[in-house]
Amino acid sequence: MRSSSSSGRRVVRATSGVGILMLLTAGLARAELPTPTATTAAIDTLLKGAFPSDRPGAAVIVVKDGRTLFRKAYGMADLELGVPLQPDMVFRLGSITKQFTAAAILMLAEEGRPALYDAYVGDYELAPGFVLTVTREGDRLMTQATGQQKVEVFPSSETEFFLRVVDAQITFVRGPEGKVDQLVLHQGGRDMPAKKRK
């Protein structure tokens, strides 16, 4: 990790090691550990060994059901200045977290938990007579526009997906009741909202 100065304050710049750490802790959080104390002790032991206090570090937070179970920082934020990492420091992650979020979603799908996709299934009207139909086929999410072939979409986050056959992305939007009631198709520099019909 390196740090850089931005607007007069020190900002920590993270590396891809953060993403690997996210997957490690995601796997550990999913593991069946006997108690919350055992979970935090296991995380603490793992990270103390991975991030010594005099080396580049990491900040970790584990949240389950909206409750923070664990929050701690390990190692250094700035080796040159001897600044230890703090859990509330700002990290410049760029777009590296998208790949790890997608990998975590795919891991859930491999475990037979693609029910997350069920909320997205339906017909979305982009324009009169032009509908984007979203279906789930096993652990894959598929889309088909009126008059076009069905294509798979791939997760970049829990609500954002991308197509490989064309430069386009889809964002699913939840309404006030928490149900997906529309999507936004991002393509060709345009953001095209579509209400869910059914």
C-alpha atoms as a PDB file:
ATOM      1  CA  MET A   1       0.000   0.000   0.000  1.00  0.00           C
ATOM      2  CA  ARG A   2       1.064   3.506  -0.757  1.00  0.00           C
ATOM      3  CA  SER A   3      -0.469   6.711   0.365  1.00  0.00           C
ATOM      4  CA  SER A   4      -0.884   9.955  -1.497  1.00  0.00           C
ATOM      5  CA  SER A   5      -1.859  13.450  -0.513  1.00  0.00           C
ATOM      6  CA  SER A   6      -5.259  14.639  -1.679  1.00  0.00           C
ATOM      7  CA  SER A   7      -6.793  17.950  -0.629  1.00  0.00           C
ATOM      8  CA  GLY A   8      -4.345  18.283   2.242  1.00  0.00           C
ATOM      9  CA  ARG A   9      -5.105  14.927   3.849  1.00  0.00           C
ATOM     10  CA  ARG A  10      -3.469  11.540   3.609  1.00  0.00           C
ATOM     11  CA  VAL A  11      -5.425   8.993   1.621  1.00  0.00           C
ATOM     12  CA  VAL A  12      -4.507   5.317   1.615  1.00  0.00           C
ATOM     13  CA  ARG A  13      -4.170   3.728  -1.819  1.00  0.00           C
ATOM     14  CA  ALA A  14      -5.095   0.030  -1.713  1.00  0.00           C
ATOM     15  CA  THR A  15      -3.788  -2.763  -3.896  1.00  0.00           C
ATOM     16  CA  SER A  16      -5.450  -5.909  -5.173  1.00  0.00           C
ATOM     17  CA  GLY A  17      -4.512  -7.567  -1.884  1.00  0.00           C
ATOM     18  CA  VAL A  18      -7.576  -5.868  -0.405  1.00  0.00           C
ATOM     19  CA  GLY A  19      -9.810  -7.818  -2.769  1.00  0.00           C
ATOM     20  CA  ILE A  20      -8.171 -11.081  -1.842  1.00  0.00           C
ATOM     21  CA  LEU A  21      -8.677 -10.168   1.784  1.00  0.00           C
ATOM     22  CA  MET A  22     -12.363  -9.481   1.050  1.00  0.00           C
ATOM     23  CA  LEU A  23     -12.783 -12.979  -0.337  1.00  0.00           C
ATOM     24  CA  LEU A  24     -10.904 -14.554   2.554  1.00  0.00           C
ATOM     25  CA  THR A  25     -13.028 -12.803   5.132  1.00  0.00           C
ATOM     26  CA  ALA A  26     -16.214 -13.455   3.132  1.00  0.00           C
ATOM     27  CA  GLY A  27     -15.403 -17.166   3.204  1.00  0.00           C
ATOM     28  CA  LEU A  28     -14.564 -17.011   6.885  1.00  0.00           C
ATOM     29  CA  ALA A  29     -17.771 -15.117   7.671  1.00  0.00           C
ATOM     30  CA  ARG A  30     -19.801 -17.799   5.835  1.00  0.00           C
ATOM     31  CA  ALA A  31     -18.046 -20.584   7.734  1.00  0.00           C
ATOM     32  CA  GLU A  32     -19.960 -22.235  10.539  1.00  0.00           C
ATOM     33  CA  LEU A  33     -18.078 -21.021  13.600  1.00  0.00           C
ATOM     34  CA  PRO A  34     -19.496 -21.776  17.040  1.00  0.00           C
ATOM     35  CA  THR A  35     -19.885 -18.215  18.393  1.00  0.00           C
ATOM     36  CA  PRO A  36     -19.350 -14.598  17.348  1.00  0.00           C
ATOM     37  CA  THR A  37     -16.344 -14.533  19.697  1.00  0.00           C
ATOM     38  CA  ALA A  38     -14.835 -17.519  17.881  1.00  0.00           C
ATOM     39  CA  THR A  39     -15.453 -15.762  14.554  1.00  0.00           C
ATOM     40  CA  THR A  40     -13.718 -12.552  15.604  1.00  0.00           C
ATOM     41  CA  ALA A  41     -10.853 -14.478  17.170  1.00  0.00           C
ATOM     42  CA  ALA A  42     -10.377 -16.489  13.966  1.00  0.00           C
ATOM     43  CA  ILE A  43     -10.418 -13.331  11.823  1.00  0.00           C
ATOM     44  CA  ASP A  44      -8.002 -11.551  14.174  1.00  0.00           C
ATOM     45  CA  THR A  45      -5.580 -14.497  14.156  1.00  0.00           C
ATOM     46  CA  LEU A  46      -5.686 -14.785  10.372  1.00  0.00           C
ATOM     47  CA  LEU A  47      -5.063 -11.084   9.791  1.00  0.00           C
ATOM     48  CA  LYS A  48      -2.383 -10.573  12.436  1.00  0.00           C
ATOM     49  CA  GLY A  49      -0.309 -13.195  10.626  1.00  0.00           C
ATOM     50  CA  ALA A  50      -1.034 -11.784   7.182  1.00  0.00           C
ATOM     51  CA  PHE A  51      -0.390  -8.106   8.004  1.00  0.00           C
ATOM     52  CA  PRO A  52       2.501  -7.534  10.460  1.00  0.00           C
ATOM     53  CA  SER A  53       2.478  -4.179  12.270  1.00  0.00           C
ATOM     54  CA  ASP A  54       5.542  -2.888  10.365  1.00  0.00           C
ATOM     55  CA  ARG A  55       4.333  -3.788   6.844  1.00  0.00           C
ATOM     56  CA  PRO A  56       1.576  -2.549   4.490  1.00  0.00           C
ATOM     57  CA  GLY A  57      -1.763  -3.368   6.065  1.00  0.00           C
ATOM     58  CA  ALA A  58      -5.506  -3.751   5.689  1.00  0.00           C
ATOM     59  CA  ALA A  59      -8.692  -2.544   7.355  1.00  0.00           C
ATOM     60  CA  VAL A  60     -11.464  -5.072   7.914  1.00  0.00           C
ATOM     61  CA  ILE A  61     -15.122  -4.861   8.805  1.00  0.00           C
ATOM     62  CA  VAL A  62     -17.451  -7.855   9.108  1.00  0.00           C
ATOM     63  CA  VAL A  63     -21.175  -7.123   9.150  1.00  0.00           C
ATOM     64  CA  LYS A  64     -23.918  -9.698   9.538  1.00  0.00           C
ATOM     65  CA  ASP A  65     -27.637  -8.887   9.514  1.00  0.00           C
ATOM     66  CA  GLY A  66     -26.814  -5.173   9.731  1.00  0.00           C
ATOM     67  CA  ARG A  67     -24.719  -5.581  12.887  1.00  0.00           C
ATOM     68  CA  THR A  68     -20.971  -4.951  12.958  1.00  0.00           C
ATOM     69  CA  LEU A  69     -19.294  -8.086  14.315  1.00  0.00           C
ATOM     70  CA  PHE A  70     -15.692  -7.051  13.779  1.00  0.00           C
ATOM     71  CA  ARG A  71     -13.813  -3.872  12.847  1.00  0.00           C
ATOM     72  CA  LYS A  72     -10.060  -3.504  13.053  1.00  0.00           C
ATOM     73  CA  ALA A  73      -6.987  -2.328  11.118  1.00  0.00           C
ATOM     74  CA  TYR A  74      -3.650  -4.100  10.754  1.00  0.00           C
ATOM     75  CA  GLY A  75      -0.224  -2.936   9.618  1.00  0.00           C
ATOM     76  CA  MET A  76       0.893   0.396   8.236  1.00  0.00           C
ATOM     77  CA  ALA A  77      -0.890   2.966   6.075  1.00  0.00           C
ATOM     78  CA  ASP A  78       2.368   4.740   5.205  1.00  0.00           C
ATOM     79  CA  LEU A  79       5.694   2.972   5.647  1.00  0.00           C
ATOM     80  CA  GLU A  80       7.757   6.061   4.849  1.00  0.00           C
ATOM     81  CA  LEU A  81       6.117   8.200   7.525  1.00  0.00           C
ATOM     82  CA  GLY A  82       5.446   5.340   9.966  1.00  0.00           C
ATOM     83  CA  VAL A  83       1.668   5.915  10.001  1.00  0.00           C
ATOM     84  CA  PRO A  84      -0.289   2.924  11.325  1.00  0.00           C
ATOM     85  CA  LEU A  85      -3.457   1.964   9.514  1.00  0.00           C
ATOM     86  CA  GLN A  86      -6.757   2.942  11.177  1.00  0.00           C
ATOM     87  CA  PRO A  87     -10.132   1.272  10.466  1.00  0.00           C
ATOM     88  CA  ASP A  88     -11.722   4.593   9.407  1.00  0.00           C
ATOM     89  CA  MET A  89      -9.106   5.592   6.798  1.00  0.00           C
ATOM     90  CA  VAL A  90     -10.265   6.312   3.252  1.00  0.00           C
ATOM     91  CA  PHE A  91      -9.084   3.770   0.666  1.00  0.00           C
ATOM     92  CA  ARG A  92      -8.738   4.547  -3.029  1.00  0.00           C
ATOM     93  CA  LEU A  93      -9.938   1.287  -4.476  1.00  0.00           C
ATOM     94  CA  GLY A  94     -10.885   2.377  -7.971  1.00  0.00           C
ATOM     95  CA  SER A  95     -12.837  -0.363  -9.683  1.00  0.00           C
ATOM     96  CA  ILE A  96     -11.007  -3.382  -8.294  1.00  0.00           C
ATOM     97  CA  THR A  97     -13.809  -4.334  -5.915  1.00  0.00           C
ATOM     98  CA  LYS A  98     -16.228  -5.114  -8.758  1.00  0.00           C
ATOM     99  CA  GLN A  99     -14.338  -8.259  -9.720  1.00  0.00           C
ATOM    100  CA  PHE A 100     -14.338  -9.504  -6.149  1.00  0.00           C
ATOM    101  CA  THR A 101     -18.014  -8.727  -5.644  1.00  0.00           C
ATOM    102  CA  ALA A 102     -18.789 -10.642  -8.828  1.00  0.00           C
ATOM    103  CA  ALA A 103     -16.643 -13.559  -7.622  1.00  0.00           C
ATOM    104  CA  ALA A 104     -18.474 -13.590  -4.275  1.00  0.00           C
ATOM    105  CA  ILE A 105     -21.855 -13.632  -6.061  1.00  0.00           C
ATOM    106  CA  LEU A 106     -20.657 -16.467  -8.296  1.00  0.00           C
ATOM    107  CA  MET A 107     -19.475 -18.369  -5.198  1.00  0.00           C
ATOM    108  CA  LEU A 108     -22.989 -18.054  -3.760  1.00  0.00           C
ATOM    109  CA  ALA A 109     -24.438 -19.303  -7.048  1.00  0.00           C
ATOM    110  CA  GLU A 110     -22.115 -22.319  -6.977  1.00  0.00           C
ATOM    111  CA  GLU A 111     -23.416 -23.094  -3.497  1.00  0.00           C
ATOM    112  CA  GLY A 112     -26.894 -23.334  -4.974  1.00  0.00           C
ATOM    113  CA  ARG A 113     -28.026 -19.899  -3.800  1.00  0.00           C
ATOM    114  CA  PRO A 114     -28.950 -18.076  -7.038  1.00  0.00           C
ATOM    115  CA  ALA A 115     -32.295 -17.076  -5.489  1.00  0.00           C
ATOM    116  CA  LEU A 116     -30.869 -13.558  -5.475  1.00  0.00           C
ATOM    117  CA  TYR A 117     -31.581 -13.554  -9.229  1.00  0.00           C
ATOM    118  CA  ASP A 118     -35.281 -14.346  -8.735  1.00  0.00           C
ATOM    119  CA  ALA A 119     -35.945 -10.751  -7.708  1.00  0.00           C
ATOM    120  CA  TYR A 120     -34.731  -9.553 -11.132  1.00  0.00           C
ATOM    121  CA  VAL A 121     -36.858 -11.913 -13.252  1.00  0.00           C
ATOM    122  CA  GLY A 122     -39.580 -10.182 -15.244  1.00  0.00           C
ATOM    123  CA  ASP A 123     -40.437  -8.035 -18.261  1.00  0.00           C
ATOM    124  CA  TYR A 124     -39.102  -4.480 -18.357  1.00  0.00           C
ATOM    125  CA  GLU A 125     -40.523  -2.024 -20.908  1.00  0.00           C
ATOM    126  CA  LEU A 126     -37.777   0.168 -22.383  1.00  0.00           C
ATOM    127  CA  ALA A 127     -40.140   1.766 -24.933  1.00  0.00           C
ATOM    128  CA  PRO A 128     -43.624   1.008 -26.250  1.00  0.00           C
ATOM    129  CA  GLY A 129     -43.377  -2.404 -27.907  1.00  0.00           C
ATOM    130  CA  PHE A 130     -39.727  -2.899 -26.856  1.00  0.00           C
ATOM    131  CA  VAL A 131     -39.355  -5.134 -23.809  1.00  0.00           C
ATOM    132  CA  LEU A 132     -36.310  -6.565 -22.085  1.00  0.00           C
ATOM    133  CA  THR A 133     -37.195  -9.951 -20.596  1.00  0.00           C
ATOM    134  CA  VAL A 134     -35.024 -11.158 -17.714  1.00  0.00           C
ATOM    135  CA  THR A 135     -35.059 -14.865 -16.841  1.00  0.00           C
ATOM    136  CA  ARG A 136     -33.097 -17.200 -14.627  1.00  0.00           C
ATOM    137  CA  GLU A 137     -31.773 -20.428 -16.091  1.00  0.00           C
ATOM    138  CA  GLY A 138     -30.237 -22.430 -13.266  1.00  0.00           C
ATOM    139  CA  ASP A 139     -27.513 -20.232 -11.803  1.00  0.00           C
ATOM    140  CA  ARG A 140     -27.388 -17.885 -14.819  1.00  0.00           C
ATOM    141  CA  LEU A 141     -29.256 -14.630 -15.389  1.00  0.00           C
ATOM    142  CA  MET A 142     -30.399 -14.146 -18.991  1.00  0.00           C
ATOM    143  CA  THR A 143     -31.847 -11.186 -20.894  1.00  0.00           C
ATOM    144  CA  GLN A 144     -33.698 -11.034 -24.181  1.00  0.00           C
ATOM    145  CA  ALA A 145     -34.772  -7.846 -25.923  1.00  0.00           C
ATOM    146  CA  THR A 146     -37.744  -7.876 -28.275  1.00  0.00           C
ATOM    147  CA  GLY A 147     -36.656  -9.426 -31.589  1.00  0.00           C
ATOM    148  CA  GLN A 148     -33.170 -10.351 -30.349  1.00  0.00           C
ATOM    149  CA  GLN A 149     -31.440 -13.477 -29.070  1.00  0.00           C
ATOM    150  CA  LYS A 150     -31.257 -14.363 -25.385  1.00  0.00           C
ATOM    151  CA  VAL A 151     -27.874 -13.491 -23.824  1.00  0.00           C
ATOM    152  CA  GLU A 152     -26.336 -14.038 -20.398  1.00  0.00           C
ATOM    153  CA  VAL A 153     -25.537 -11.088 -18.130  1.00  0.00           C
ATOM    154  CA  PHE A 154     -22.746 -11.232 -15.562  1.00  0.00           C
ATOM    155  CA  PRO A 155     -22.621  -9.632 -12.092  1.00  0.00           C
ATOM    156  CA  SER A 156     -20.297  -6.773 -11.258  1.00  0.00           C
ATOM    157  CA  SER A 157     -22.137  -6.113  -7.990  1.00  0.00           C
ATOM    158  CA  GLU A 158     -25.337  -7.333  -6.341  1.00  0.00           C
ATOM    159  CA  THR A 159     -27.503  -5.065  -8.526  1.00  0.00           C
ATOM    160  CA  GLU A 160     -25.227  -4.296 -11.495  1.00  0.00           C
ATOM    161  CA  PHE A 161     -24.638  -6.644 -14.417  1.00  0.00           C
ATOM    162  CA  PHE A 162     -22.820  -6.438 -17.755  1.00  0.00           C
ATOM    163  CA  LEU A 163     -23.103  -8.090 -21.143  1.00  0.00           C
ATOM    164  CA  ARG A 164     -20.126  -9.615 -22.905  1.00  0.00           C
ATOM    165  CA  VAL A 165     -21.601  -9.610 -26.416  1.00  0.00           C
ATOM    166  CA  VAL A 166     -22.096  -5.830 -26.489  1.00  0.00           C
ATOM    167  CA  ASP A 167     -20.851  -2.893 -24.410  1.00  0.00           C
ATOM    168  CA  ALA A 168     -23.877  -2.546 -22.125  1.00  0.00           C
ATOM    169  CA  GLN A 169     -24.641  -2.715 -18.410  1.00  0.00           C
ATOM    170  CA  ILE A 170     -27.845  -3.208 -16.453  1.00  0.00           C
ATOM    171  CA  THR A 171     -28.613  -1.826 -13.006  1.00  0.00           C
ATOM    172  CA  PHE A 172     -31.618  -3.247 -11.128  1.00  0.00           C
ATOM    173  CA  VAL A 173     -33.407  -0.703  -8.926  1.00  0.00           C
ATOM    174  CA  ARG A 174     -35.463  -1.485  -5.826  1.00  0.00           C
ATOM    175  CA  GLY A 175     -38.562   0.539  -5.008  1.00  0.00           C
ATOM    176  CA  PRO A 176     -39.664   1.854  -1.594  1.00  0.00           C
ATOM    177  CA  GLU A 177     -40.922  -1.599  -0.541  1.00  0.00           C
ATOM    178  CA  GLY A 178     -37.553  -3.211  -1.322  1.00  0.00           C
ATOM    179  CA  LYS A 179     -38.746  -5.052  -4.431  1.00  0.00           C
ATOM    180  CA  VAL A 180     -37.077  -4.636  -7.812  1.00  0.00           C
ATOM    181  CA  ASP A 181     -39.460  -2.477  -9.809  1.00  0.00           C
ATOM    182  CA  GLN A 182     -37.241  -1.229 -12.636  1.00  0.00           C
ATOM    183  CA  LEU A 183     -33.897  -1.515 -14.340  1.00  0.00           C
ATOM    184  CA  VAL A 184     -31.644   0.953 -16.091  1.00  0.00           C
ATOM    185  CA  LEU A 185     -29.917  -0.089 -19.316  1.00  0.00           C
ATOM    186  CA  HIS A 186     -26.591   1.732 -19.769  1.00  0.00           C
ATOM    187  CA  GLN A 187     -25.546   1.605 -23.408  1.00  0.00           C
ATOM    188  CA  GLY A 188     -23.994   3.965 -25.934  1.00  0.00           C
ATOM    189  CA  GLY A 189     -23.599   6.742 -23.375  1.00  0.00           C
ATOM    190  CA  ARG A 190     -27.310   6.646 -22.516  1.00  0.00           C
ATOM    191  CA  ASP A 191     -29.106   5.567 -19.328  1.00  0.00           C
ATOM    192  CA  MET A 192     -32.478   4.081 -20.280  1.00  0.00           C
ATOM    193  CA  PRO A 193     -34.853   3.308 -17.383  1.00  0.00           C
ATOM    194  CA  ALA A 194     -37.429   0.542 -17.812  1.00  0.00           C
ATOM    195  CA  LYS A 195     -40.333  -0.176 -15.460  1.00  0.00           C
ATOM    196  CA  LYS A 196     -41.011  -3.777 -14.516  1.00  0.00           C
ATOM    197  CA  ARG A 197     -44.324  -4.920 -16.042  1.00  0.00           C
ATOM    198  CA  LYS A 198     -44.546  -8.313 -14.341  1.00  0.00           C
END
